[in-house]
Structures are given as structure tokens and as C-alpha cells.
């Protein structure tokens, strides 16, 4: 099995607060990794550090190494890194423009030209995300008029249209209803055949449903990494057992 991303002795601090401490983690290609743990354990910071968004924090300090396909992410130009490693946020963040232009903007930024090429890629990714049939007659309507679940699927389509290799997802279903949550979960399962996916989730049942591997974090440290089946049925660490039993978190 190929490791796509490797985190080696990763430490992240913001100001005087230590957010991640000595994290060593392997993320396998074309697998879904669920990152779980109580609020404040560093899950979102982990995602923001992988694609270097953490560097936008003026007081952030990062040490250790993140390797992407064996190369340090510090040696990869930011534009290329963030194209190859997409990030979908907890709250959908469509651009204040039309549905079509949300995807076209990302494509044009990365050099795709020609209306026919743009339209072909946009339609393909809207179909992939199960959104095309819902919006095909309203492509030039403001994306801000879509429902929350539709906005989230639009944001996923926008990330996918530039052909990333890795998709980082920060609690993408936390504000969605059961119907839209199932749509997103089904989409993640479908995408995992072609993409490496890391999803932060507070929903333990969601992790069980969609993840190949589960990583449990506590107080900024990686406590346990295992196959999802093994983690939920035979957790190794006492803290993992207590978390799964609902004793904290």
C-alpha cells in the first residue's frame, strides 16, 4: 500500500499554545482516513498544516516534516500544493458569484481556457457530486441561493475540478441534515477510488461508515491509528476506549 502523505515529528504552536505535538502519521493513497477526537485536540489545525494554510496565522510555528509523494511540502510551490491538496471547510464557502462561475474561477486560475473546455469540466464535476440535475437550469444563478447541502457539494465540486490528489474535509456534514449527510458520505465513498481523503468528523458513526482508517487525537497528540474496524472493535489505548465509551469528549 502506497503512503501518499507522511507526517514526521510534526509540532504546531500558535503563540504560546501547543496545538499539535510530535505527530507521526502515514496517510495511504486512495483511502479514507477519519480524524476524530474531542474539541480542541488539533484536528482542524492538522488539516490546515498539511496544505500550509496554517502559515497564514502570524503567530504559528511549525516544526517537523510533511512529505507529499516523498517530497517535503515546503519545497512545493503553494499554488501547486493547494491545487494537489484541496481543503473543504466545515461551513460551505461558495464565492459570491454564479454556480458556473464558482467552478470556472478555479479552473481559469489554474490555466484552463476555452468555453467548451470549461463547460465540459464543470458539468462533469457537478454530475460527480450529484448536483448537476438539481442546478442544470440555473447554472448562472447565485451560488449563495443554494441550500446548505447544495453549497457544500458545490464546494467539493470546485475543489475536484482542478484535479487534486488529496481532499481534506473539515467536518463537511456538521451543519447538514440527514439527507444531505448521506449524499456527502456516498460521494466520499465514491471518490475514494480515485482520491486520498482525510475527513475530520465529530460523528463516530460517520467514521465507522466511511473510513478505511481512523486516527484518534487527544490534547494535540496522536493517540492511536488503526483500521477503522480494529479501532472501533479493539481499541489499543485506554484513552481510546474511554472516548468511544463516551466518558469524555
Protein backbone atom coordinates (compact mmCIF):
# COMPACT_ATOMS: atom_id res chain seq x y z
CA UNK A 1 0.00 0.00 0.00
CA UNK A 2 1.40 3.39 -1.02
CA UNK A 3 1.69 6.17 1.52
CA UNK A 4 0.64 9.42 -0.07
CA UNK A 5 1.36 11.72 2.84
CA UNK A 6 3.73 11.22 5.75
CA UNK A 7 3.88 13.43 8.83
CA UNK A 8 7.12 13.13 10.76
CA UNK A 9 7.58 14.62 14.26
CA UNK A 10 5.10 17.38 13.42
CA UNK A 11 4.68 20.12 16.01
CA UNK A 12 2.44 23.16 15.66
CA UNK A 13 2.14 26.04 18.10
CA UNK A 14 0.18 29.27 17.83
CA UNK A 15 1.64 31.84 20.14
CA UNK A 16 2.31 30.06 23.43
CA UNK A 17 -0.31 27.34 22.80
CA UNK A 18 0.92 23.94 21.66
CA UNK A 19 -1.70 22.65 19.24
CA UNK A 20 -0.04 19.53 17.79
CA UNK A 21 2.79 17.64 19.47
CA UNK A 22 5.16 15.13 17.90
CA UNK A 23 2.66 13.74 15.39
CA UNK A 24 3.85 10.85 13.22
CA UNK A 25 1.17 9.76 10.77
CA UNK A 26 1.01 7.89 7.47
CA UNK A 27 -1.90 8.62 5.11
CA UNK A 28 -2.42 5.96 2.46
CA UNK A 29 -3.27 6.61 -1.18
CA UNK A 30 -6.91 6.23 -2.27
CA UNK A 31 -8.08 5.51 1.27
CA UNK A 32 -10.35 7.46 3.61
CA UNK A 33 -8.78 8.48 6.92
CA UNK A 34 -11.14 9.74 9.62
CA UNK A 35 -9.58 12.04 12.21
CA UNK A 36 -11.52 12.03 15.47
CA UNK A 37 -11.13 13.37 18.98
CA UNK A 38 -12.67 15.90 21.38
CA UNK A 39 -12.96 19.58 20.51
CA UNK A 40 -9.66 21.42 20.75
CA UNK A 41 -7.48 18.35 20.16
CA UNK A 42 -5.91 19.78 16.99
CA UNK A 43 -7.96 18.14 14.23
CA UNK A 44 -8.60 21.25 12.14
CA UNK A 45 -5.06 22.50 12.70
CA UNK A 46 -3.81 19.20 11.30
CA UNK A 47 -5.64 19.80 8.01
CA UNK A 48 -4.56 23.43 7.82
CA UNK A 49 -0.95 22.39 8.36
CA UNK A 50 -0.98 19.71 5.67
CA UNK A 51 -1.77 22.21 2.90
CA UNK A 52 0.15 25.02 4.65
CA UNK A 53 -2.87 27.21 5.28
CA UNK A 54 -1.57 27.43 8.86
CA UNK A 55 1.14 29.75 7.55
CA UNK A 56 -1.50 32.47 7.21
CA UNK A 57 -1.52 32.60 11.03
CA UNK A 58 1.03 35.22 12.02
CA UNK A 59 1.92 33.54 15.32
CA UNK A 60 2.03 29.97 14.01
CA UNK A 61 5.21 27.95 14.40
CA UNK A 62 5.61 24.60 12.65
CA UNK A 63 8.42 22.09 13.04
CA UNK A 64 8.90 18.57 11.77
CA UNK A 65 8.20 17.49 8.22
CA UNK A 66 5.29 16.68 5.94
CA UNK A 67 6.13 14.61 2.86
CA UNK A 68 3.80 14.51 -0.13
CA UNK A 69 4.74 11.74 -2.57
CA UNK A 70 8.09 11.66 -0.80
CA UNK A 71 8.81 15.39 -1.19
CA UNK A 72 8.68 17.98 1.56
CA UNK A 73 5.63 20.21 1.22
CA UNK A 74 7.92 23.15 1.98
CA UNK A 75 9.61 22.50 -1.36
CA UNK A 76 6.35 22.59 -3.33
CA UNK A 77 5.07 26.00 -4.53
CA UNK A 78 1.96 26.95 -2.57
CA UNK A 79 -0.25 27.29 -5.64
CA UNK A 80 0.60 23.77 -6.78
CA UNK A 81 0.37 22.32 -3.28
CA UNK A 82 -3.11 23.72 -2.73
CA UNK A 83 -4.18 22.51 -6.17
CA UNK A 84 -2.95 18.99 -5.40
CA UNK A 85 -4.26 19.01 -1.81
CA UNK A 86 -7.73 20.56 -1.69
CA UNK A 87 -9.47 21.66 1.50
CA UNK A 88 -13.25 21.68 2.06
CA UNK A 89 -14.28 23.69 5.11
CA UNK A 90 -16.87 22.97 7.79
CA UNK A 91 -19.12 25.79 6.62
CA UNK A 92 -19.69 25.89 2.85
CA UNK A 93 -17.91 28.88 1.35
CA UNK A 94 -19.17 29.42 -2.20
CA UNK A 95 -17.85 32.51 -3.91
CA UNK A 96 -20.45 35.32 -4.24
CA UNK A 97 -20.96 34.59 -7.93
CA UNK A 98 -22.92 32.16 -10.08
CA UNK A 99 -22.79 28.38 -9.73
CA UNK A 100 -20.99 28.16 -13.08
CA UNK A 101 -18.50 30.90 -12.23
CA UNK A 102 -17.64 29.27 -8.88
CA UNK A 103 -16.07 26.39 -10.77
CA UNK A 104 -14.90 28.41 -13.77
CA UNK A 105 -12.99 30.78 -11.49
CA UNK A 106 -10.92 27.93 -10.05
CA UNK A 107 -10.28 26.45 -13.49
CA UNK A 108 -9.25 29.77 -15.05
CA UNK A 109 -6.93 30.43 -12.12
CA UNK A 110 -5.12 27.20 -12.95
CA UNK A 111 -4.90 27.97 -16.67
CA UNK A 112 -7.91 26.22 -18.23
CA UNK A 113 -9.13 28.22 -21.22
CA UNK A 114 -11.94 27.97 -23.73
CA UNK A 115 -15.66 27.95 -23.01
CA UNK A 116 -16.15 24.39 -24.27
CA UNK A 117 -13.39 23.02 -22.04
CA UNK A 118 -14.66 24.93 -19.03
CA UNK A 119 -18.25 23.80 -19.54
CA UNK A 120 -17.25 20.16 -20.03
CA UNK A 121 -15.20 20.08 -16.79
CA UNK A 122 -17.84 21.99 -14.82
CA UNK A 123 -20.68 19.70 -15.91
CA UNK A 124 -18.62 16.57 -15.23
CA UNK A 125 -17.81 17.63 -11.67
CA UNK A 126 -21.32 18.81 -10.89
CA UNK A 127 -22.53 15.38 -12.06
CA UNK A 128 -19.87 13.64 -9.98
CA UNK A 129 -21.12 15.47 -6.90
CA UNK A 130 -24.76 14.70 -7.67
CA UNK A 131 -25.60 18.35 -8.18
CA UNK A 132 -25.97 18.76 -11.93
CA UNK A 133 -29.57 17.58 -12.27
CA UNK A 134 -30.57 19.92 -9.45
CA UNK A 135 -28.96 23.04 -10.92
CA UNK A 136 -28.59 22.45 -14.69
CA UNK A 137 -31.30 25.00 -15.50
CA UNK A 138 -29.92 27.55 -13.04
CA UNK A 139 -26.15 27.50 -13.63
CA UNK A 140 -25.97 31.28 -13.74
CA UNK A 141 -27.95 31.76 -10.53
CA UNK A 142 -26.03 32.99 -7.50
CA UNK A 143 -24.46 30.07 -5.64
CA UNK A 144 -25.49 31.80 -2.41
CA UNK A 145 -29.12 30.89 -3.18
CA UNK A 146 -28.40 27.17 -2.95
CA UNK A 147 -29.30 25.21 0.18
CA UNK A 148 -26.55 24.40 2.67
CA UNK A 149 -26.18 20.84 1.40
CA UNK A 150 -26.05 22.02 -2.21
CA UNK A 151 -23.46 24.65 -1.32
CA UNK A 152 -21.27 22.01 0.31
CA UNK A 153 -21.48 19.75 -2.74
CA UNK A 154 -20.67 22.77 -4.93
CA UNK A 155 -17.57 23.48 -2.84
CA UNK A 156 -16.48 19.84 -3.20
CA UNK A 157 -17.04 20.04 -6.97
CA UNK A 158 -14.99 23.24 -7.06
CA UNK A 159 -12.12 21.51 -5.29
CA UNK A 160 -12.32 18.47 -7.59
CA UNK A 161 -12.46 20.38 -10.86
CA UNK A 162 -8.74 21.28 -10.61
CA UNK A 163 -7.90 17.56 -10.25
CA UNK A 164 -6.35 17.33 -6.78
CA UNK A 165 -4.80 14.12 -5.50
CA UNK A 166 -5.80 14.64 -1.87
CA UNK A 167 -9.03 16.04 -0.45
CA UNK A 168 -9.05 17.34 3.12
CA UNK A 169 -12.53 17.75 4.61
CA UNK A 170 -13.17 19.56 7.88
CA UNK A 171 -16.47 18.26 9.30
CA UNK A 172 -18.24 18.74 5.95
CA UNK A 173 -21.56 17.39 7.27
CA UNK A 174 -21.74 19.10 10.66
CA UNK A 175 -24.36 21.65 9.58
CA UNK A 176 -26.30 19.36 7.24
CA UNK A 177 -29.48 17.32 7.68
CA UNK A 178 -29.64 13.52 7.41
CA UNK A 179 -30.46 13.55 3.69
CA UNK A 180 -27.55 15.79 2.72
CA UNK A 181 -25.20 13.99 5.11
CA UNK A 182 -25.95 10.73 3.31
CA UNK A 183 -25.34 12.39 -0.07
CA UNK A 184 -21.92 13.63 1.09
CA UNK A 185 -21.00 10.27 2.64
CA UNK A 186 -21.97 8.41 -0.52
CA UNK A 187 -19.91 10.88 -2.52
CA UNK A 188 -16.86 10.35 -0.27
CA UNK A 189 -17.11 6.59 -0.72
CA UNK A 190 -17.31 7.04 -4.49
CA UNK A 191 -14.40 9.49 -4.59
CA UNK A 192 -12.10 7.30 -2.50
CA UNK A 193 -11.46 5.07 -5.52
CA UNK A 194 -9.61 7.97 -7.12
CA UNK A 195 -8.63 10.34 -4.31
CA UNK A 196 -6.90 10.21 -0.95
CA UNK A 197 -9.38 11.64 1.57
CA UNK A 198 -8.82 12.90 5.11
CA UNK A 199 -12.03 13.80 6.92
CA UNK A 200 -12.27 15.40 10.34
CA UNK A 201 -15.50 14.34 11.98
CA UNK A 202 -17.11 14.53 15.40
CA UNK A 203 -19.58 11.85 14.31
CA UNK A 204 -18.18 8.48 15.35
CA UNK A 205 -20.81 6.58 13.39
CA UNK A 206 -19.85 8.52 10.29
CA UNK A 207 -16.23 7.46 10.76
CA UNK A 208 -17.35 3.84 11.04
CA UNK A 209 -19.45 4.12 7.88
CA UNK A 210 -16.95 5.70 5.50
CA UNK A 211 -13.36 5.46 6.77
CA UNK A 212 -10.77 2.81 5.99
CA UNK A 213 -8.55 4.09 8.81
CA UNK A 214 -9.20 6.12 11.94
CA UNK A 215 -6.79 8.38 13.80
CA UNK A 216 -7.69 9.40 17.36
CA UNK A 217 -6.21 12.64 18.71
CA UNK A 218 -6.20 13.90 22.28
CA UNK A 219 -4.55 17.09 23.59
CA UNK A 220 -2.67 17.59 20.34
CA UNK A 221 -1.19 14.10 20.24
CA UNK A 222 -1.96 11.15 18.02
CA UNK A 223 -3.08 8.50 20.48
CA UNK A 224 -3.96 5.73 18.08
CA UNK A 225 -4.07 4.94 14.37
CA UNK A 226 -5.64 1.73 13.14
CA UNK A 227 -8.03 0.32 10.59
CA UNK A 228 -11.48 1.62 11.39
CA UNK A 229 -12.77 -1.86 12.13
CA UNK A 230 -9.96 -2.60 14.56
CA UNK A 231 -10.14 0.82 16.20
CA UNK A 232 -13.84 0.58 16.98
CA UNK A 233 -13.87 -3.09 17.96
CA UNK A 234 -10.50 -3.47 19.69
CA UNK A 235 -9.00 -0.08 20.60
CA UNK A 236 -5.47 -0.40 21.92
CA UNK A 237 -5.12 2.72 24.07
CA UNK A 238 -7.08 3.20 27.30
CA UNK A 239 -7.90 6.78 26.25
CA UNK A 240 -9.38 5.45 23.00
CA UNK A 241 -11.61 3.06 24.94
CA UNK A 242 -12.79 5.83 27.25
CA UNK A 243 -13.52 8.17 24.33
CA UNK A 244 -15.52 5.50 22.50
CA UNK A 245 -17.45 4.81 25.71
CA UNK A 246 -18.38 8.48 25.93
CA UNK A 247 -16.50 9.15 29.17
CA UNK A 248 -15.18 12.42 27.72
CA UNK A 249 -15.28 14.47 24.54
